[in-house]
């Protein structure tokens, strides 16, 4: 599992490779919390390298979305999820809480 962050003018892109499960979701939460502590609430989560997400991973995304949207500061958008991840978000019933983009450029441009 590897988490990388790239700061852009309007947002920060977070890219994770591997699985998001109960073992890796605390690390993802720490990374996302650090970004928000630094004052950035517009986050693009690049899921192109993610091949599995568990309920604990979905929970981290939901908590981050809630914190970003508080006081209309920003939002978390999801970019380039594969079909399996899209289906998982749909089955969990949370896909409508996120803007989901098929392209990183389009996701960054949404801000």
Foldseek 3Di string as FASTA:
>chain_A
DDWDWDDDPQAIEIEDAEEADPVCQVVVLVVLVVCVVVPGLAYEYEDQRYDYYDPSNVVSQVVSQVVSPVVHNYGYAYEQHDPVVVVVCVVVVNPVSHHYYDDPVVSVVVD
